[in-house]
Protein backbone atom coordinates (compact mmCIF):
# COMPACT_ATOMS: atom_id res chain seq x y z
CA UNK A 1 1.43 14.77 24.87
CA UNK A 2 1.60 13.53 21.25
CA UNK A 3 0.46 9.98 20.62
CA UNK A 4 2.35 7.71 18.21
CA UNK A 5 1.14 4.51 16.57
CA UNK A 6 3.59 1.70 15.83
CA UNK A 7 2.95 -1.78 14.46
CA UNK A 8 5.26 -4.71 13.78
CA UNK A 9 3.89 -7.35 11.44
CA UNK A 10 5.12 -10.84 10.65
CA UNK A 11 3.62 -12.52 7.59
CA UNK A 12 2.71 -16.18 7.08
CA UNK A 13 5.49 -18.43 5.78
CA UNK A 14 5.32 -18.87 2.01
CA UNK A 15 7.55 -19.08 -1.06
CA UNK A 16 8.83 -15.68 -2.14
CA UNK A 17 10.16 -15.06 -5.63
CA UNK A 18 10.19 -12.19 -8.06
CA UNK A 19 10.44 -12.81 -11.80
CA UNK A 20 10.73 -9.13 -12.69
CA UNK A 21 13.11 -8.59 -15.57
CA UNK A 22 13.42 -12.27 -16.41
CA UNK A 23 14.14 -12.88 -20.08
CA UNK A 24 15.42 -15.53 -22.43
CA UNK A 25 18.78 -16.84 -21.37
CA UNK A 26 19.00 -14.58 -18.33
CA UNK A 27 20.50 -15.50 -14.98
CA UNK A 28 19.28 -12.96 -12.48
CA UNK A 29 19.52 -12.23 -8.78
CA UNK A 30 15.81 -11.56 -8.33
CA UNK A 31 15.62 -11.41 -4.54
CA UNK A 32 17.14 -8.49 -2.68
CA UNK A 33 19.42 -9.56 0.16
CA UNK A 34 21.03 -8.18 3.27
CA UNK A 35 23.78 -9.63 5.47
CA UNK A 36 23.23 -9.93 9.21
CA UNK A 37 25.97 -11.60 11.20
CA UNK A 38 27.29 -14.47 9.10
CA UNK A 39 24.02 -15.14 7.23
CA UNK A 40 22.18 -13.58 4.32
CA UNK A 41 18.50 -12.74 4.55
CA UNK A 42 16.12 -11.68 1.83
CA UNK A 43 14.38 -8.34 2.02
CA UNK A 44 11.42 -6.50 0.51
CA UNK A 45 11.79 -2.75 0.06
CA UNK A 46 9.67 -0.22 1.90
CA UNK A 47 8.70 1.19 -1.50
CA UNK A 48 7.19 -2.16 -2.52
CA UNK A 49 5.16 -2.30 0.70
CA UNK A 50 4.04 1.30 0.25
CA UNK A 51 2.85 0.35 -3.23
CA UNK A 52 0.54 -2.25 -1.70
CA UNK A 53 -0.87 0.32 0.74
CA UNK A 54 -1.47 2.70 -2.15
CA UNK A 55 -3.35 -0.05 -3.99
CA UNK A 56 -5.52 -0.70 -0.91
CA UNK A 57 -6.46 2.98 -0.60
CA UNK A 58 -7.19 3.17 -4.32
CA UNK A 59 -9.64 0.26 -3.99
CA UNK A 60 -11.28 1.24 -0.69
CA UNK A 61 -10.97 5.04 -0.57
CA UNK A 62 -10.80 5.87 -4.27
CA UNK A 63 -12.55 9.22 -3.88
CA UNK A 64 -9.74 10.33 -1.53
CA UNK A 65 -6.87 8.97 -3.63
CA UNK A 66 -4.92 11.20 -6.01
CA UNK A 67 -2.50 8.76 -7.64
CA UNK A 68 -3.95 5.53 -9.06
CA UNK A 69 -2.53 2.65 -11.05
CA UNK A 70 -4.25 1.49 -14.24
CA UNK A 71 -3.35 -2.21 -14.80
CA UNK A 72 -4.78 -2.24 -18.33
CA UNK A 73 -2.51 0.59 -19.45
CA UNK A 74 0.29 -0.24 -17.00
CA UNK A 75 0.68 3.34 -15.87
CA UNK A 76 -0.02 5.73 -13.03
CA UNK A 77 -2.60 8.47 -13.31
CA UNK A 78 -3.22 11.57 -11.22
CA UNK A 79 -6.56 13.22 -10.58
CA UNK A 80 -4.59 16.44 -10.28
CA UNK A 81 -0.91 17.31 -10.22
CA UNK A 82 -1.68 20.01 -7.70
CA UNK A 83 -0.95 17.93 -4.60
CA UNK A 84 -3.31 18.39 -1.67
CA UNK A 85 -2.75 16.56 1.61
CA UNK A 86 -6.02 17.86 2.98
CA UNK A 87 -8.04 16.34 0.15
CA UNK A 88 -6.09 13.19 -0.73
CA UNK A 89 -5.18 10.36 1.63
CA UNK A 90 -2.11 9.32 -0.38
CA UNK A 91 -0.72 12.87 -0.50
CA UNK A 92 -1.23 12.99 3.28
CA UNK A 93 0.17 9.58 4.28
CA UNK A 94 2.92 9.14 1.69
CA UNK A 95 3.91 12.72 0.99
CA UNK A 96 4.97 14.22 -2.33
CA UNK A 97 7.51 16.45 -4.05
CA UNK A 98 6.77 18.56 -7.12
CA UNK A 99 10.11 19.95 -8.32
CA UNK A 100 9.72 22.93 -10.65
CA UNK A 101 10.85 26.44 -11.38
CA UNK A 102 8.70 29.54 -11.11
CA UNK A 103 8.24 32.15 -13.82
CA UNK A 104 11.17 34.09 -12.32
CA UNK A 105 13.33 30.92 -12.61
CA UNK A 106 13.46 30.56 -8.83
CA UNK A 107 12.82 27.33 -7.01
CA UNK A 108 9.06 26.75 -6.74
CA UNK A 109 9.21 23.19 -5.41
CA UNK A 110 6.29 22.07 -3.25
CA UNK A 111 6.73 19.06 -1.01
CA UNK A 112 5.37 17.28 2.02
CA UNK A 113 7.11 14.61 4.06
CA UNK A 114 4.81 11.62 4.35
CA UNK A 115 3.33 11.00 7.78
CA UNK A 116 3.68 7.23 7.33
CA UNK A 117 7.07 5.56 7.82
CA UNK A 118 7.64 1.94 6.78
CA UNK A 119 10.74 -0.17 7.31
CA UNK A 120 12.14 -2.74 4.94
CA UNK A 121 10.73 -6.21 5.46
CA UNK A 122 13.38 -8.76 6.46
CA UNK A 123 13.01 -12.53 6.23
CA UNK A 124 12.90 -14.49 9.47
CA UNK A 125 14.98 -17.27 7.89
CA UNK A 126 18.46 -17.11 6.34
CA UNK A 127 18.62 -17.52 2.57
CA UNK A 128 20.52 -20.63 1.52
CA UNK A 129 20.52 -20.01 -2.22
CA UNK A 130 17.43 -21.96 -3.36
CA UNK A 131 16.94 -21.63 -7.12
CA UNK A 132 14.17 -22.77 -9.45
CA UNK A 133 15.15 -23.54 -13.05
CA UNK A 134 12.96 -23.26 -16.13
CA UNK A 135 13.15 -23.14 -19.87
CA UNK A 136 11.43 -21.18 -22.59
CA UNK A 137 11.21 -21.91 -26.28
CA UNK A 138 13.25 -19.55 -28.42
CA UNK A 139 13.90 -19.76 -32.11
CA UNK A 140 13.56 -23.11 -33.86
CA UNK A 141 15.98 -25.62 -32.46
CA UNK A 142 16.94 -23.37 -29.54
CA UNK A 143 15.83 -23.53 -25.91
CA UNK A 144 16.60 -20.81 -23.37
CA UNK A 145 17.30 -21.74 -19.75
CA UNK A 146 16.61 -19.35 -16.92
CA UNK A 147 16.76 -19.48 -13.14
CA UNK A 148 14.82 -17.72 -10.41
CA UNK A 149 15.76 -17.33 -6.76
CA UNK A 150 13.10 -18.57 -4.33
CA UNK A 151 12.89 -18.35 -0.54
CA UNK A 152 10.41 -20.11 1.72
CA UNK A 153 10.16 -17.74 4.65
CA UNK A 154 8.10 -15.20 6.60
CA UNK A 155 8.79 -11.46 6.52
CA UNK A 156 8.74 -8.90 9.30
CA UNK A 157 8.36 -5.12 8.99
CA UNK A 158 7.36 -2.13 11.12
CA UNK A 159 5.33 0.98 10.38
CA UNK A 160 4.96 4.21 12.29
CA UNK A 161 2.64 7.20 12.14
CA UNK A 162 1.91 10.16 14.38
CA UNK A 163 -1.82 10.79 13.90
CA UNK A 164 -1.60 14.51 14.71
CA UNK A 165 0.75 14.93 11.73
CA UNK A 166 -2.09 13.89 9.45
CA UNK A 167 -4.31 16.53 7.88
CA UNK A 168 -7.27 14.28 8.75
CA UNK A 169 -6.69 12.31 11.89
CA UNK A 170 -9.20 9.57 11.02
CA UNK A 171 -6.79 8.39 8.33
CA UNK A 172 -4.84 6.63 11.08
CA UNK A 173 -7.85 4.30 11.36
CA UNK A 174 -7.83 3.75 7.59
CA UNK A 175 -4.19 2.74 7.89
CA UNK A 176 -4.98 0.23 10.62
CA UNK A 177 -7.67 -1.31 8.43
CA UNK A 178 -5.23 -1.59 5.52
CA UNK A 179 -2.65 -3.58 7.49
CA UNK A 180 -4.73 -6.77 7.37
CA UNK A 181 -5.54 -6.48 3.66
CA UNK A 182 -2.28 -6.19 1.71
CA UNK A 183 -1.86 -8.32 -1.38
CA UNK A 184 0.33 -7.14 -4.25
CA UNK A 185 3.48 -6.29 -2.37
CA UNK A 186 6.25 -6.07 -4.94
CA UNK A 187 4.64 -3.52 -7.20
CA UNK A 188 2.95 -3.71 -10.54
CA UNK A 189 5.64 -6.02 -11.99
CA UNK A 190 5.18 -8.75 -9.38
CA UNK A 191 4.00 -12.02 -10.89
CA UNK A 192 3.82 -14.22 -7.83
CA UNK A 193 1.26 -14.36 -5.03
CA UNK A 194 2.68 -13.91 -1.54
CA UNK A 195 0.33 -13.27 1.35
CA UNK A 196 1.68 -10.15 3.02
CA UNK A 197 -1.04 -9.78 5.62
CA UNK A 198 -0.12 -10.30 9.30
CA UNK A 199 0.03 -13.79 10.73
CA UNK A 200 0.94 -12.10 14.01
CA UNK A 201 0.96 -8.44 14.96
CA UNK A 202 2.14 -6.20 17.80
CA UNK A 203 0.67 -2.69 18.00
CA UNK A 204 1.82 0.05 20.33
CA UNK A 205 0.10 3.38 21.04
CA UNK A 206 2.37 5.55 23.13
CA UNK A 207 3.81 8.98 23.87
CA UNK A 208 7.27 7.45 23.42
CA UNK A 209 8.62 8.60 20.02
CA UNK A 210 10.70 5.42 19.63
CA UNK A 211 8.92 2.20 18.53
CA UNK A 212 10.90 -0.30 20.66
CA UNK A 213 9.03 -3.14 18.90
CA UNK A 214 11.03 -3.28 15.65
CA UNK A 215 12.37 -6.76 14.96
CA UNK A 216 10.58 -8.23 17.97
CA UNK A 217 9.69 -11.51 16.20
CA UNK A 218 12.16 -14.33 15.67
CA UNK A 219 12.02 -17.81 14.23
CA UNK A 220 11.62 -20.54 16.87
CA UNK A 221 11.67 -24.00 15.26
CA UNK A 222 8.92 -24.02 12.65
CA UNK A 223 7.02 -21.25 14.45
CA UNK A 224 7.56 -17.67 15.60
CA UNK A 225 8.46 -16.29 19.02
CA UNK A 226 8.88 -12.86 20.62
CA UNK A 227 11.19 -13.34 23.61
CA UNK A 228 12.65 -9.82 23.28
CA UNK A 229 9.20 -8.27 23.47
CA UNK A 230 8.42 -10.24 26.63
CA UNK A 231 11.72 -9.06 28.14
CA UNK A 232 11.07 -5.40 27.31
CA UNK A 233 7.70 -5.56 29.07
CA UNK A 234 9.17 -7.42 32.05
CA UNK A 235 11.87 -4.80 32.63
CA UNK A 236 9.50 -1.86 32.10
CA UNK A 237 10.96 -0.43 28.90
CA UNK A 238 7.53 -0.90 27.32
CA UNK A 239 4.36 -0.49 29.34
CA UNK A 240 2.01 -3.46 28.97
CA UNK A 241 -0.93 -1.03 28.76
CA UNK A 242 0.45 0.37 25.49
CA UNK A 243 0.49 -2.97 23.65
CA UNK A 244 -2.06 -4.95 21.68
CA UNK A 245 -1.01 -8.36 20.36
CA UNK A 246 -2.92 -10.68 18.03
CA UNK A 247 -2.58 -13.67 15.75
CA UNK A 248 -0.69 -16.94 15.90
CA UNK A 249 1.80 -15.64 18.46
CA UNK A 250 -0.98 -15.71 21.06
CA UNK A 251 -1.14 -19.51 20.78
CA UNK A 252 2.47 -19.83 21.93
CA UNK A 253 3.98 -19.63 25.44
CA UNK A 254 5.06 -16.08 24.57
CA UNK A 255 1.44 -15.06 24.15
CA UNK A 256 0.62 -16.51 27.56
CA UNK A 257 3.52 -14.63 29.15
CA UNK A 258 2.44 -11.35 27.62
CA UNK A 259 -1.12 -11.89 28.82
CA UNK A 260 0.10 -12.50 32.38
CA UNK A 261 2.12 -9.28 32.19
CA UNK A 262 -1.06 -7.33 31.41
CA UNK A 263 -0.75 -6.96 27.64
CA UNK A 264 -4.03 -6.88 25.70
CA UNK A 265 -3.92 -10.19 23.85
CA UNK A 266 -6.41 -11.16 21.13
CA UNK A 267 -6.50 -14.49 19.32
CA UNK A 268 -7.15 -12.82 15.97
CA UNK A 269 -5.18 -10.20 14.07
CA UNK A 270 -8.33 -8.26 13.14
CA UNK A 271 -9.50 -8.28 16.76
CA UNK A 272 -6.17 -6.79 17.87
CA UNK A 273 -6.42 -4.11 15.18
CA UNK A 274 -10.00 -3.29 16.23
CA UNK A 275 -8.84 -2.91 19.84
CA UNK A 276 -6.04 -0.62 18.68
CA UNK A 277 -8.58 1.54 16.80
CA UNK A 278 -10.71 1.88 19.94
CA UNK A 279 -7.67 2.66 22.09
CA UNK A 280 -6.43 5.22 19.59
CA UNK A 281 -9.80 7.02 19.58
CA UNK A 282 -9.77 7.24 23.39
CA UNK A 283 -6.20 8.53 23.60
CA UNK A 284 -6.59 11.06 20.79
CA UNK A 285 -9.73 12.49 22.36
CA UNK A 286 -8.23 12.73 25.84
């Protein structure tokens, strides 16, 4: 049976803001938002998160990366515009589409659906409209006022990949390594530092094609809980043997409950990821 890898990540709590597009005298809605129930939450697009993964692969697997970003010239560059998922990790994981016409004016588009799927990241806390004001000097005798939306929160997102869909199956391990090392989420225009690495993580390696672990973290007081995950394991919808959990969540009562249920619990995020890599190797070779 085909094995699938899922991971749900919750980041540390920090102040999120995005000054992209801010100019003299502008009043901008700089944080994307989504309504859930009666509250608004801020959100980070899957494209922004994918950008950070691309940056990681450029820095750590540059010889296998086709598209790279040059910060000095503020532009993307390609080693070749002949996409090759066998040769390049980004063409394999993220996919591509080259829309063009052939010499006979017929469709000659080449495309590959990316093996990696990433959800939007959603804040754990509702957004109550916090705004930071500032001013910039304009022409003589004139001062421009601007405002920027800010949100002190943690973000949660899920990724999924089926290793056998990859042209090189070891790239699933590269992806696991990248999870703990994201930095510039928000793209090349982002001017603020927000730590997008996991504070807590749940990984699942399973034959089940549905993740079941999306949105499993929730805010509990000043910390984070995962009562729904505990319930899913208790009722048998998720097998404890398929899960690896690590990070701050293991220091809570929820971590203790998961451990008693037979879930592989590690105090550190990197330790949980390492265990997932070992488990993935065993299951893919079986």
